[in-house]
Protein backbone atom coordinates (compact mmCIF):
# COMPACT_ATOMS: atom_id res chain seq x y z
CA MET A 1 12.20 -23.25 -26.23
CA SER A 2 14.98 -22.99 -28.78
CA GLY A 3 15.76 -20.14 -31.13
CA ALA A 4 15.51 -16.39 -30.81
CA LEU A 5 12.58 -14.37 -29.47
CA PRO A 6 10.65 -12.45 -32.05
CA ILE A 7 11.76 -9.02 -30.78
CA ARG A 8 15.50 -8.20 -31.03
CA LEU A 9 16.78 -6.66 -27.82
CA ALA A 10 19.62 -4.25 -27.26
CA PRO A 11 21.03 -2.52 -24.15
CA TYR A 12 19.31 0.77 -23.31
CA ALA A 13 22.22 2.94 -24.31
CA ALA A 14 22.57 1.18 -27.69
CA ILE A 15 19.07 2.07 -29.07
CA ALA A 16 19.35 4.01 -32.40
CA ASP A 17 18.96 7.76 -32.19
CA SER A 18 18.73 7.72 -28.35
CA GLN A 19 19.96 10.42 -26.07
CA MET A 20 21.13 10.12 -22.48
CA LEU A 21 19.68 13.12 -20.53
CA HIS A 22 20.89 12.26 -17.04
CA ILE A 23 23.03 9.64 -15.33
CA VAL A 24 23.62 8.67 -11.78
CA PRO A 25 27.07 7.06 -11.14
CA ALA A 26 27.27 3.48 -9.84
CA ALA A 27 26.92 3.31 -6.03
CA ARG A 28 27.15 0.81 -3.15
CA TYR A 29 25.42 0.16 0.10
CA ALA A 30 26.33 -1.94 3.08
CA SER A 31 24.89 -5.44 3.54
CA VAL A 32 24.48 -6.64 7.11
CA PRO A 33 23.73 -10.43 7.92
CA PRO A 34 20.15 -10.92 9.32
CA GLY A 35 19.40 -12.18 12.71
CA LEU A 36 18.01 -15.70 12.48
CA THR A 37 15.33 -17.32 14.67
CA GLY A 38 13.92 -20.83 13.97
CA PHE A 39 16.51 -21.41 11.15
CA VAL A 40 16.56 -25.12 10.22
CA PRO A 41 18.54 -25.98 7.10
CA GLY A 42 16.20 -28.68 5.79
CA ASP A 43 17.63 -28.50 2.30
CA ALA A 44 21.51 -28.23 2.56
CA VAL A 45 22.07 -26.74 -0.95
CA ARG A 46 19.62 -23.99 -0.43
CA ALA A 47 20.70 -23.33 2.98
CA GLN A 48 24.31 -22.96 1.89
CA ALA A 49 23.30 -20.53 -0.81
CA LEU A 50 21.49 -18.43 1.79
CA LEU A 51 24.48 -18.40 4.03
CA ARG A 52 26.75 -17.21 1.24
CA LEU A 53 24.27 -14.51 0.33
CA TRP A 54 23.97 -13.30 3.97
CA ALA A 55 27.73 -13.15 4.28
CA ARG A 56 28.06 -10.46 1.57
CA GLN A 57 29.47 -7.14 2.91
CA GLU A 58 28.00 -4.72 0.39
CA VAL A 59 25.78 -4.44 -2.66
CA ALA A 60 27.00 -2.91 -5.94
CA CYS A 61 24.47 -0.83 -7.82
CA PRO A 62 25.05 0.03 -11.53
CA ALA A 63 24.71 3.51 -13.02
CA GLU A 64 21.15 4.75 -13.54
CA ALA A 65 20.06 6.87 -16.50
CA VAL A 66 17.27 8.86 -18.07
CA MET A 67 17.02 8.20 -21.82
CA LEU A 68 15.11 9.95 -24.58
CA TYR A 69 13.93 7.65 -27.38
CA ARG A 70 12.40 9.05 -30.51
CA ASP A 71 9.45 7.38 -32.29
CA ALA A 72 9.17 4.75 -29.60
CA ILE A 73 6.45 2.18 -29.18
CA VAL A 74 5.41 1.04 -25.66
CA LEU A 75 3.81 -2.29 -25.10
CA ASP A 76 1.31 -2.74 -22.22
CA GLY A 77 2.72 0.43 -20.62
CA LYS A 78 5.89 -1.47 -19.70
CA GLN A 79 8.13 -2.65 -22.56
CA VAL A 80 9.83 -0.23 -24.96
CA LEU A 81 10.67 -0.62 -28.66
CA GLY A 82 12.97 1.99 -30.17
CA PRO A 83 13.18 2.95 -33.92
CA GLY A 84 13.14 -0.09 -36.15
CA GLY A 85 11.50 -2.22 -33.58
CA THR A 86 14.50 -2.95 -31.43
CA GLY A 87 13.45 -3.64 -27.80
CA VAL A 88 15.15 -1.93 -24.96
CA ALA A 89 16.56 -4.99 -23.25
CA GLU A 90 16.20 -3.71 -19.71
CA SER A 91 12.53 -3.11 -20.14
CA PHE A 92 11.74 -6.78 -20.97
CA HIS A 93 11.17 -9.63 -18.67
CA ALA A 94 13.95 -12.14 -18.46
CA ASP A 95 11.67 -15.06 -19.16
CA VAL A 96 12.40 -16.46 -22.57
CA GLY A 97 9.91 -19.32 -22.61
CA PRO A 98 7.17 -20.08 -25.18
CA HIS A 99 4.55 -17.82 -23.38
CA ARG A 100 6.80 -14.76 -23.63
CA ALA A 101 7.57 -15.49 -27.32
CA ALA A 102 3.84 -15.77 -28.13
CA TRP A 103 3.24 -12.48 -26.22
CA GLN A 104 5.87 -10.73 -28.27
CA GLN A 105 4.67 -12.12 -31.52
CA ALA A 106 1.06 -11.09 -30.73
CA HIS A 107 2.28 -7.50 -30.29
CA LEU A 108 4.30 -7.66 -33.50
CA ASP A 109 1.31 -8.84 -35.37
CA ARG A 110 -0.75 -5.99 -34.09
CA ILE A 111 1.85 -3.47 -34.95
CA ALA A 112 2.21 -4.89 -38.55
CA ALA A 113 -1.60 -4.59 -38.85
CA GLY A 114 -1.38 -0.84 -37.91
CA GLU A 115 -3.13 -1.42 -34.56
CA VAL A 116 -1.02 1.12 -32.69
CA GLY A 117 -2.32 3.98 -30.61
CA GLN A 118 -0.71 7.37 -30.64
CA VAL A 119 -0.03 9.59 -27.70
CA PRO A 120 -0.71 13.18 -28.73
CA ALA A 121 2.59 15.13 -29.16
CA ASP A 122 1.09 18.20 -27.59
CA GLY A 123 1.38 18.38 -23.85
CA ALA A 124 3.77 17.50 -21.06
CA PRO A 125 6.65 15.09 -21.77
CA VAL A 126 5.77 11.36 -21.74
CA ALA A 127 7.53 9.03 -19.45
CA ALA A 128 7.74 5.27 -18.86
CA VAL A 129 8.97 3.90 -15.54
CA PHE A 130 6.82 0.79 -14.95
CA GLY A 131 7.98 -2.82 -15.53
CA GLU A 132 6.64 -6.21 -14.66
CA CYS A 133 4.54 -6.89 -11.55
CA GLY A 134 2.87 -3.53 -11.40
CA PHE A 135 0.07 -5.21 -9.42
CA ASN A 136 2.47 -5.67 -6.35
CA LEU A 137 3.18 -2.85 -3.86
CA GLY A 138 6.69 -3.96 -3.18
CA HIS A 139 7.66 -3.95 -6.80
CA VAL A 140 6.05 -0.60 -7.39
CA MET A 141 7.56 1.05 -4.37
CA VAL A 142 11.05 -0.34 -4.81
CA GLU A 143 11.47 -0.77 -8.55
CA VAL A 144 9.19 1.86 -10.06
CA LEU A 145 8.69 4.92 -7.99
CA PRO A 146 12.43 5.64 -7.43
CA ARG A 147 12.68 6.18 -11.11
CA LEU A 148 10.71 9.33 -10.74
CA VAL A 149 13.51 10.79 -8.72
CA LEU A 150 15.82 10.49 -11.84
CA LEU A 151 13.27 12.28 -13.92
CA HIS A 152 13.15 15.07 -11.27
CA ASP A 153 16.98 15.23 -11.39
CA ALA A 154 16.85 15.47 -15.14
CA GLY A 155 14.82 18.66 -14.69
CA VAL A 156 11.39 17.21 -15.50
CA ARG A 157 8.62 18.99 -13.53
CA ARG A 158 5.53 18.13 -15.56
CA LEU A 159 4.91 14.76 -17.20
CA ARG A 160 2.43 12.32 -18.62
CA LEU A 161 3.16 8.92 -17.08
CA LEU A 162 2.34 5.63 -18.80
CA VAL A 163 0.74 3.34 -16.21
CA PRO A 164 -0.02 -0.32 -16.97
CA GLU A 165 -3.70 -1.11 -16.23
CA GLU A 166 -2.58 -3.70 -13.57
CA ALA A 167 -0.86 -0.82 -11.73
CA ARG A 168 -3.95 1.44 -11.59
CA PRO A 169 -4.47 0.84 -7.80
CA PHE A 170 -0.96 2.35 -7.14
CA TRP A 171 -1.45 5.56 -9.15
CA PRO A 172 -2.37 7.39 -5.92
CA LEU A 173 1.03 6.34 -4.52
CA ALA A 174 2.71 7.51 -7.71
CA ALA A 175 0.84 10.77 -7.49
CA LEU A 176 1.87 11.20 -3.83
CA ALA A 177 5.51 10.64 -4.81
CA LEU A 178 5.25 13.13 -7.68
CA GLU A 179 3.73 15.70 -5.20
CA ALA A 180 6.55 15.13 -2.74
CA LEU A 181 9.06 15.73 -5.52
CA GLY A 182 7.36 18.92 -6.56
CA MET A 183 6.26 17.42 -9.92
CA GLN A 184 2.89 17.48 -11.69
CA GLY A 185 1.83 14.25 -13.34
CA GLU A 186 -1.05 12.92 -15.46
CA ALA A 187 -1.70 9.16 -15.69
CA LEU A 188 -2.03 7.62 -19.16
CA PHE A 189 -3.44 4.17 -18.34
CA CYS A 190 -2.45 1.44 -20.80
CA PRO A 191 -4.65 -1.67 -21.16
CA GLU A 192 -2.93 -5.02 -21.63
CA GLY A 193 -2.38 -5.81 -25.26
CA GLN A 194 -2.11 -2.20 -26.29
CA ALA A 195 0.77 -0.71 -28.20
CA LEU A 196 1.30 3.03 -28.00
CA ARG A 197 3.54 5.14 -30.26
CA VAL A 198 5.21 8.04 -28.50
CA ALA A 199 7.11 10.70 -30.55
CA ALA A 200 9.53 11.53 -27.69
CA LEU A 201 9.63 9.08 -24.78
CA LEU A 202 11.50 9.53 -21.46
CA TRP A 203 12.50 6.15 -20.16
CA VAL A 204 14.39 5.47 -16.90
CA SER A 205 16.74 2.55 -16.53
CA PRO A 206 16.13 -0.05 -13.79
CA VAL A 207 16.88 0.95 -10.19
CA ALA A 208 16.67 -2.54 -8.65
CA ARG A 209 17.10 -6.23 -9.31
CA HIS A 210 14.29 -7.96 -7.56
CA GLU A 211 15.34 -9.95 -4.47
CA HIS A 212 19.01 -9.08 -4.19
CA ARG A 213 19.66 -5.46 -5.14
CA LYS A 214 17.88 -2.18 -4.47
CA SER A 215 19.09 1.43 -5.04
CA PRO A 216 20.19 4.41 -3.02
CA THR A 217 17.77 6.34 -5.22
CA LEU A 218 14.94 4.73 -3.16
CA ARG A 219 16.45 6.19 0.06
CA ARG A 220 16.27 9.67 -1.53
CA LEU A 221 12.60 9.20 -2.62
CA LEU A 222 11.64 8.10 0.92
CA GLU A 223 13.29 11.24 2.46
CA TRP A 224 10.89 13.32 0.38
CA LEU A 225 7.94 11.14 1.18
CA ARG A 226 8.67 11.19 4.98
CA ALA A 227 8.83 15.00 4.91
CA VAL A 228 5.21 15.18 3.63
CA ALA A 229 3.93 12.15 5.69
CA GLY A 230 4.11 13.30 9.22
CA THR A 231 5.02 10.81 12.02
CA GLY A 232 1.88 10.48 14.23
CA GLY A 233 1.55 6.72 13.83
CA PRO A 234 2.46 4.00 16.33
CA GLU A 235 6.00 3.10 17.09
CA ARG A 236 5.38 -0.65 17.11
CA VAL A 237 3.42 -2.16 14.19
CA TYR A 238 2.28 -5.68 13.36
CA VAL A 239 1.42 -5.99 9.69
CA ALA A 240 -1.40 -8.53 9.41
CA ARG A 241 -2.35 -10.53 6.34
CA PRO A 242 -5.81 -9.68 4.99
CA ASP A 243 -8.46 -12.34 4.62
CA GLY A 244 -8.02 -14.33 1.43
CA ALA A 245 -4.38 -13.52 1.15
CA ARG A 246 -1.76 -16.03 -0.04
CA ARG A 247 0.28 -17.63 2.77
CA PRO A 248 -2.44 -17.30 5.42
CA ILE A 249 -1.42 -17.77 9.05
CA THR A 250 -3.55 -20.59 10.46
CA ASN A 251 -3.37 -19.23 14.04
CA ALA A 252 -3.58 -15.63 13.11
CA ALA A 253 -5.99 -14.72 15.96
CA ALA A 254 -3.59 -16.05 18.61
CA VAL A 255 -0.64 -14.24 17.00
CA GLU A 256 -2.49 -10.98 16.87
CA ALA A 257 -3.58 -11.27 20.48
CA ALA A 258 0.01 -11.87 21.54
CA VAL A 259 1.41 -8.88 19.61
CA ARG A 260 -1.30 -6.56 20.89
CA ALA A 261 -0.44 -7.66 24.43
CA ALA A 262 3.19 -6.74 23.62
CA GLY A 263 2.09 -3.21 22.66
CA TYR A 264 1.91 -3.53 18.87
CA ALA A 265 -0.75 -2.01 16.72
CA VAL A 266 -2.26 -4.54 14.41
CA VAL A 267 -2.82 -3.06 10.95
CA GLU A 268 -3.87 -4.20 7.49
CA PRO A 269 -2.39 -1.47 5.36
CA ALA A 270 -4.48 -2.20 2.31
CA ALA A 271 -7.52 -0.94 4.26
CA LEU A 272 -6.00 2.58 4.26
CA PRO A 273 -5.45 5.03 1.45
CA MET A 274 -1.89 5.32 0.19
CA ALA A 275 -1.26 8.61 2.07
CA GLY A 276 -2.59 6.97 5.21
CA GLN A 277 -0.26 3.93 4.77
CA LEU A 278 2.68 6.26 4.36
CA ALA A 279 1.86 8.17 7.46
CA LEU A 280 1.24 5.01 9.45
CA PHE A 281 4.72 3.63 8.87
CA ALA A 282 6.75 6.92 8.77
CA GLY A 283 6.72 7.06 12.58
CA ALA A 284 7.23 3.32 13.24
CA ARG A 285 10.44 2.04 14.88
CA ARG A 286 9.56 -1.68 15.20
CA MET A 287 7.79 -3.76 12.58
CA LEU A 288 6.71 -7.31 12.68
CA GLY A 289 4.73 -9.45 10.24
CA PRO A 290 4.58 -12.38 7.87
CA MET A 291 6.31 -12.11 4.47
CA GLY A 292 4.19 -10.07 2.06
CA ALA A 293 4.21 -6.91 0.00
CA ALA A 294 3.06 -4.72 2.83
CA LEU A 295 6.34 -5.26 4.60
CA SER A 296 7.81 -3.01 1.86
CA TRP A 297 6.51 -0.15 3.92
CA MET A 298 9.68 -0.62 6.14
CA ALA A 299 11.20 1.77 3.58
CA ALA A 300 9.03 4.55 4.99
CA MET A 301 10.54 4.11 8.49
CA ALA A 302 13.47 6.38 9.41
CA PRO A 303 16.81 4.62 9.48
CA GLY A 304 17.59 2.70 12.59
CA GLY A 305 14.37 0.69 12.89
CA HIS A 306 14.09 -2.98 13.44
CA VAL A 307 12.10 -5.34 11.27
CA ALA A 308 11.25 -8.93 11.99
CA MET A 309 9.69 -11.21 9.35
CA LEU A 310 7.73 -14.50 9.72
CA GLU A 311 8.04 -16.80 6.75
CA GLY A 312 7.63 -20.46 6.01
CA GLY A 313 10.87 -21.38 4.26
CA ASN A 314 10.38 -19.37 1.05
CA CYS A 315 13.65 -17.60 1.71
CA ASP A 316 13.00 -14.56 -0.51
CA GLY A 317 15.80 -12.07 0.22
CA PHE A 318 13.90 -9.08 -0.98
CA PHE A 319 12.88 -7.72 2.50
CA TRP A 320 16.17 -8.41 4.12
CA ASP A 321 18.03 -6.60 1.35
CA LEU A 322 15.46 -3.68 1.66
CA ALA A 323 16.24 -3.50 5.33
CA CYS A 324 20.01 -3.28 4.51
CA LEU A 325 19.47 -0.39 2.13
CA CYS A 326 17.23 1.51 4.52
CA GLY A 327 19.52 1.09 7.51
CA HIS A 328 17.26 -1.21 9.58
CA ARG A 329 18.15 -4.20 11.61
CA PHE A 330 16.47 -7.35 10.24
CA THR A 331 15.45 -10.49 11.98
CA TRP A 332 14.28 -13.56 10.04
CA GLY A 333 11.80 -15.77 11.83
CA PHE A 334 11.43 -19.18 10.12
CA THR A 335 8.15 -20.96 10.87
CA ALA A 336 9.31 -24.02 8.79
CA PRO A 337 12.64 -25.55 7.76
CA VAL A 338 14.47 -24.24 4.60
CA THR A 339 13.52 -26.47 1.75
CA ALA A 340 14.24 -26.57 -2.02
CA TYR A 341 12.31 -23.94 -3.84
CA GLU A 342 9.01 -24.75 -5.53
CA PRO A 343 6.23 -22.38 -6.78
CA ALA A 344 3.73 -23.75 -4.16
CA MET A 345 5.82 -22.00 -1.42
CA LEU A 346 4.33 -18.67 -2.53
CA SER A 347 0.86 -19.83 -1.41
CA ARG A 348 1.70 -22.12 1.48
CA ALA A 349 -0.13 -21.45 4.82
CA MET A 350 2.06 -21.05 7.86
CA THR A 351 1.52 -21.79 11.51
CA VAL A 352 3.51 -19.55 13.95
CA ASP A 353 4.95 -21.32 17.00
CA MET A 354 4.12 -19.05 19.99
CA ASP A 355 7.61 -19.59 21.52
CA LEU A 356 9.16 -18.39 18.24
CA LEU A 357 6.82 -15.36 18.31
CA ALA A 358 7.83 -14.65 21.91
CA GLU A 359 11.48 -14.75 20.92
CA LEU A 360 11.01 -12.41 18.09
CA LEU A 361 9.22 -9.97 20.25
CA ALA A 362 11.99 -10.13 22.79
CA VAL A 363 14.59 -9.51 20.00
CA LEU A 364 12.67 -6.53 18.74
CA GLU A 365 12.49 -5.01 22.15
CA ALA A 366 16.14 -5.43 22.76
CA GLY A 367 16.89 -2.96 19.99
């Protein structure tokens, strides 16, 4: 696509009539190379890119801020328009293709036709912290919920939280985070395609860049969550993929039998309520499982744990980077050679070599 997108974007601090209520200075956290098991550089270019990434020594995190926007419009509970229709750049997806342009234009057409809802001004302050991929536990835990900490630090104790409809299943987790922070929150669910006008909107800047950067603010949130979770769960956990999930393991039964024999509890976190999932992982010290959103629960483990991930060459750095932030050792178990990226990788089944699994279990037990 050529040309500009329909909505003009500006940096969050440059929106007209905005006010910065709170700011967290830039920070850094250490980056430790992962342990590698089964690493075969099938694609030299991609393998070299991974090696360069793994060699970094630290991660730089930009400043984080709480902004107040007057007369704002929120699209789908995610994207924010300030006065005059200028979009808050950091609230919009980076995709600039035809689909995104059509989505923006459809919203602008509805706004021009007066099809804009109104959040009542009376009541607790209204806040927006969600972004893209609100349907995914990893995104919500790492990129959304830490933003509640910044609202807490800004002195907010009661709020109405705009929640995209796709994120409805994770409202209990958000409510748990609010409770741990000593905050009271009401969910305002936002259907897709809806534009809502908010007289005074609290918006929190991004606290992560998916795949390669998290935020120390997440560590602070998890300290609060661990304090309310308890630690009665197993110390060794294997995170199984549920039936029908993408990237199924073809020999799942054999893998699960082997890890049980090694003393690991086999769990499917999605079968538990959010509070139960938090409590399950808060006491864990060793975690093993195939790449998937549920591995994000490593963040609930106290620092000093060890996480081993099985994956079939997708090479998503999200989980390794999360382990670096949380102070865990991370071992990457490749079930297939590293290949050039293609979208099909996100759904490709994997078969776990039992010798590879035995090696991973031995590495985990070694500390």
